[in-house]
């Protein structure tokens, strides 16, 4: 039996959840717009077939996103995104 695990470095700073699996969107004026723009971009670029949500992290280091698809099938990819704005 093989075991796999994924480790991320400890993120220093304020950890913010920008959006969620269930439709929550952080829209405070102090909040970065990059995560919402990224979710919107993935929806448009995929032809409205999928969207990356549950974007959270510190600064411009986002961790543990989820990929939702129109057909409800789970994606077999792990995505860790670093966005430089």
Protein backbone atom coordinates (compact mmCIF):
# COMPACT_ATOMS: atom_id res chain seq x y z
CA UNK A 1 0.00 0.00 0.00
CA UNK A 2 1.37 3.43 -0.94
CA UNK A 3 0.73 6.56 1.06
CA UNK A 4 0.88 10.08 -0.29
CA UNK A 5 0.68 13.33 1.53
CA UNK A 6 0.94 16.96 0.71
CA UNK A 7 2.63 19.46 2.97
CA UNK A 8 2.44 23.22 2.71
CA UNK A 9 4.70 25.70 4.43
CA UNK A 10 3.38 27.55 7.45
CA UNK A 11 1.84 30.77 6.17
CA UNK A 12 2.72 33.81 8.26
CA UNK A 13 0.14 36.59 8.37
CA UNK A 14 -3.61 37.01 8.34
CA UNK A 15 -5.35 33.98 6.80
CA UNK A 16 -8.44 35.08 4.84
CA UNK A 17 -11.19 33.00 3.23
CA UNK A 18 -12.17 34.90 0.06
CA UNK A 19 -14.93 32.61 -1.19
CA UNK A 20 -16.40 29.19 -0.38
CA UNK A 21 -17.95 26.07 -1.85
CA UNK A 22 -21.42 27.27 -0.91
CA UNK A 23 -21.47 30.77 -2.40
CA UNK A 24 -19.88 32.91 0.33
CA UNK A 25 -17.90 35.85 -1.10
CA UNK A 26 -15.77 38.12 1.08
CA UNK A 27 -16.47 41.58 -0.27
CA UNK A 28 -15.06 43.94 2.33
CA UNK A 29 -13.23 46.96 0.98
CA UNK A 30 -9.98 45.83 2.65
CA UNK A 31 -10.11 42.52 0.81
CA UNK A 32 -8.03 41.71 -2.28
CA UNK A 33 -9.95 41.35 -5.53
CA UNK A 34 -7.49 38.88 -7.08
CA UNK A 35 -9.20 35.73 -5.68
CA UNK A 36 -12.66 36.73 -6.96
CA UNK A 37 -11.17 37.66 -10.34
CA UNK A 38 -9.42 34.27 -10.49
CA UNK A 39 -12.64 32.38 -9.73
CA UNK A 40 -14.46 34.40 -12.39
CA UNK A 41 -11.64 33.84 -14.90
CA UNK A 42 -11.75 30.06 -14.43
CA UNK A 43 -15.51 30.08 -15.01
CA UNK A 44 -15.26 32.16 -18.18
CA UNK A 45 -12.15 30.42 -19.57
CA UNK A 46 -13.73 26.97 -19.12
CA UNK A 47 -16.78 28.00 -21.13
CA UNK A 48 -18.90 28.01 -17.95
CA UNK A 49 -18.08 24.32 -17.35
CA UNK A 50 -16.07 24.68 -14.13
CA UNK A 51 -15.04 27.18 -11.47
CA UNK A 52 -12.30 27.30 -8.87
CA UNK A 53 -13.73 28.27 -5.46
CA UNK A 54 -12.88 27.98 -1.77
CA UNK A 55 -10.00 30.38 -2.34
CA UNK A 56 -8.22 31.20 0.90
CA UNK A 57 -4.77 32.09 2.08
CA UNK A 58 -2.33 34.78 3.16
CA UNK A 59 -1.48 37.70 0.89
CA UNK A 60 -1.11 36.33 -2.64
CA UNK A 61 -0.48 32.72 -1.57
CA UNK A 62 -3.74 30.80 -1.97
CA UNK A 63 -4.21 27.28 -0.67
CA UNK A 64 -6.60 24.35 -0.87
CA UNK A 65 -9.00 25.51 -3.61
CA UNK A 66 -11.84 23.33 -4.90
CA UNK A 67 -12.83 22.78 -8.53
CA UNK A 68 -16.58 22.62 -9.18
CA UNK A 69 -17.88 21.30 -12.49
CA UNK A 70 -21.26 21.66 -14.18
CA UNK A 71 -21.62 17.88 -14.45
CA UNK A 72 -20.76 17.41 -10.77
CA UNK A 73 -17.76 15.18 -11.43
CA UNK A 74 -14.80 15.64 -9.14
CA UNK A 75 -11.55 16.79 -10.67
CA UNK A 76 -8.52 14.64 -9.98
CA UNK A 77 -6.09 17.49 -9.66
CA UNK A 78 -4.61 19.30 -6.72
CA UNK A 79 -4.16 22.97 -7.36
CA UNK A 80 -1.97 25.27 -5.32
CA UNK A 81 -1.92 28.70 -6.87
CA UNK A 82 0.43 31.56 -6.30
CA UNK A 83 -0.84 34.73 -7.96
CA UNK A 84 1.45 37.69 -8.38
CA UNK A 85 -0.43 40.93 -8.84
